[in-house]
Protein backbone atom coordinates (compact mmCIF):
# COMPACT_ATOMS: atom_id res chain seq x y z
CA MET A 1 -170.68 151.09 189.19
CA LYS A 2 -171.80 147.49 189.52
CA ASN A 3 -175.27 148.41 188.21
CA GLN A 4 -173.65 150.07 185.19
CA TYR A 5 -171.80 146.85 184.30
CA ILE A 6 -174.96 144.80 184.67
CA SER A 7 -176.89 147.26 182.51
CA ILE A 8 -174.20 147.20 179.82
CA LEU A 9 -174.04 143.40 179.96
CA LEU A 10 -177.83 143.15 179.59
CA LEU A 11 -177.77 145.59 176.68
CA VAL A 12 -175.05 143.57 174.91
CA CYS A 13 -176.96 140.30 175.48
CA LEU A 14 -180.19 141.81 174.15
CA SER A 15 -178.47 143.09 171.03
CA PHE A 16 -177.04 139.61 170.35
CA ILE A 17 -180.41 137.96 170.85
CA SER A 18 -182.28 140.44 168.67
CA GLY A 19 -179.61 140.14 165.96
CA CYS A 20 -180.00 136.37 165.64
CA LYS A 21 -182.08 135.31 162.69
CA SER A 22 -184.47 132.45 163.09
CA GLU A 23 -184.79 129.67 160.54
CA SER A 24 -187.05 130.71 157.70
CA SER A 25 -190.21 128.68 157.44
CA ASP A 26 -190.99 130.04 153.98
CA PRO A 27 -191.79 127.19 151.60
CA THR A 28 -189.25 126.43 148.89
CA PRO A 29 -190.18 126.40 145.20
CA GLN A 30 -190.15 122.59 145.41
CA ASP A 31 -192.55 122.69 148.39
CA ASN A 32 -194.92 124.91 146.41
CA GLN A 33 -194.71 122.69 143.32
CA LYS A 34 -195.29 119.55 145.38
CA THR A 35 -198.39 121.06 146.99
CA LEU A 36 -199.78 121.98 143.57
CA LEU A 37 -198.91 118.58 142.08
CA MET A 38 -200.66 116.74 144.92
CA ASN A 39 -203.88 118.61 144.04
CA ASN A 40 -205.37 118.26 147.54
CA GLY A 41 -205.36 114.48 147.10
CA LEU A 42 -207.60 114.64 144.02
CA SER A 43 -206.80 113.11 140.65
CA TRP A 44 -205.78 115.13 137.63
CA THR A 45 -208.11 114.27 134.76
CA LEU A 46 -207.44 114.19 131.05
CA GLY A 47 -207.71 117.30 128.95
CA THR A 48 -205.62 116.51 125.86
CA VAL A 49 -202.59 114.44 124.90
CA THR A 50 -200.31 114.99 121.95
CA LYS A 51 -197.51 112.75 120.71
CA ASP A 52 -194.99 114.40 118.42
CA GLY A 53 -197.52 117.20 117.90
CA LEU A 54 -200.41 114.92 116.88
CA ASP A 55 -203.56 114.59 118.98
CA VAL A 56 -203.67 111.12 120.60
CA THR A 57 -206.18 111.96 123.33
CA ASP A 58 -208.44 109.10 122.21
CA GLN A 59 -205.71 106.61 123.18
CA PHE A 60 -205.92 107.79 126.79
CA THR A 61 -209.70 107.96 127.33
CA GLY A 62 -210.42 107.99 131.07
CA PHE A 63 -206.79 108.72 131.99
CA LYS A 64 -206.30 109.99 135.53
CA LEU A 65 -203.14 110.81 137.43
CA THR A 66 -202.98 110.98 141.20
CA VAL A 67 -199.80 112.47 142.67
CA GLY A 68 -198.90 111.60 146.23
CA ASP A 69 -195.95 112.29 148.51
CA PHE A 70 -193.29 111.41 145.89
CA THR A 71 -195.53 108.66 144.49
CA TYR A 72 -198.03 108.51 141.65
CA THR A 73 -200.77 106.25 140.31
CA THR A 74 -202.51 106.28 136.96
CA VAL A 75 -205.76 104.95 135.57
CA ASN A 76 -206.21 104.02 131.88
CA ALA A 77 -202.65 104.75 130.82
CA LEU A 78 -200.53 103.07 128.18
CA PRO A 79 -198.03 101.27 130.44
CA SER A 80 -195.14 101.95 128.08
CA ALA A 81 -195.82 105.71 128.29
CA TRP A 82 -197.18 105.89 131.85
CA PRO A 83 -196.69 103.02 134.32
CA ALA A 84 -199.67 102.24 136.58
CA SER A 85 -197.74 103.49 139.61
CA GLY A 86 -194.30 104.52 140.72
CA THR A 87 -192.24 107.13 142.48
CA TRP A 88 -190.87 110.49 141.45
CA SER A 89 -188.36 113.09 142.64
CA PHE A 90 -187.50 116.65 141.75
CA ALA A 91 -184.66 117.04 139.25
CA ASN A 92 -184.07 120.76 139.83
CA GLU A 93 -184.44 123.32 142.62
CA ALA A 94 -187.32 125.12 140.91
CA GLY A 95 -189.41 121.94 140.87
CA THR A 96 -190.08 122.28 137.15
CA LEU A 97 -188.35 119.00 136.26
CA VAL A 98 -189.37 115.66 137.73
CA ASP A 99 -187.67 112.28 137.40
CA ARG A 100 -189.92 109.21 137.37
CA ASN A 101 -188.48 106.02 138.83
CA ASP A 102 -188.46 104.46 135.32
CA GLY A 103 -185.83 107.00 134.21
CA VAL A 104 -188.17 109.35 132.35
CA GLN A 105 -187.65 113.06 133.02
CA ILE A 106 -190.77 115.22 132.85
CA ALA A 107 -191.04 119.00 132.40
CA VAL A 108 -193.82 120.25 134.69
CA THR A 109 -196.01 123.33 134.43
CA VAL A 110 -198.64 123.39 137.17
CA THR A 111 -201.26 125.78 138.56
CA THR A 112 -204.18 125.18 140.90
CA THR A 113 -206.36 124.22 137.92
CA SER A 114 -204.07 122.75 135.27
CA LEU A 115 -201.07 120.49 134.87
CA GLN A 116 -198.92 120.13 131.76
CA LEU A 117 -196.43 117.28 131.58
CA THR A 118 -193.95 117.02 128.72
CA PHE A 119 -191.69 113.99 128.33
CA SER A 120 -190.14 111.65 125.77
CA VAL A 121 -190.42 107.88 125.58
CA THR A 122 -187.51 106.28 123.72
CA GLY A 123 -185.77 102.96 123.34
CA LEU A 124 -188.81 100.70 123.28
CA GLY A 125 -187.45 98.63 120.41
CA ASP A 126 -188.00 98.15 116.72
CA GLY A 127 -191.32 96.26 116.76
CA GLY A 128 -194.09 98.16 114.94
CA ARG A 129 -196.61 98.71 117.75
CA ILE A 130 -193.99 99.08 120.49
CA LYS A 131 -191.88 101.47 118.42
CA GLY A 132 -195.06 103.45 117.77
CA VAL A 133 -195.13 104.45 121.46
CA ASN A 134 -191.76 106.21 121.19
CA GLY A 135 -192.00 109.99 120.92
CA GLN A 136 -192.54 113.24 122.79
CA TYR A 137 -195.76 113.42 124.79
CA VAL A 138 -197.54 116.48 126.14
CA PHE A 139 -200.28 115.72 128.67
CA ASN A 140 -202.62 118.60 129.50
CA LEU A 141 -204.57 117.68 132.61
CA VAL A 142 -207.18 119.52 134.66
CA ALA A 143 -207.74 119.52 138.40
CA GLY A 144 -210.34 116.95 139.43
């Protein structure tokens, strides 16, 4: 009889242990996006840039973007549109919206070979050249 109780107790314990779910180590959508954005530590290089639908690629000749662990650096950017460096964070669970530390929110579409960033720059004042930076930008970058 004692062996029966021990057998039943072991069976109950095994069923509890096998029924426990372990923590999932599957990457989240944000993890996947971050990996793609970081581009294996390589810079994203310029493809094209539009501002309010007009091609302004020539204003960003030599532009490069390097995305790090919630940081970024740029080369040959217009500082009013793209600061030389800063930090970023995800603005949604899907990882398709990013907030830069300067308050600009960026819509992100990324693959292993391309990165599209869409954002608006506003509130830079009424001066001619400075006001001319205001608008909606679309950066199409390629993996470096």
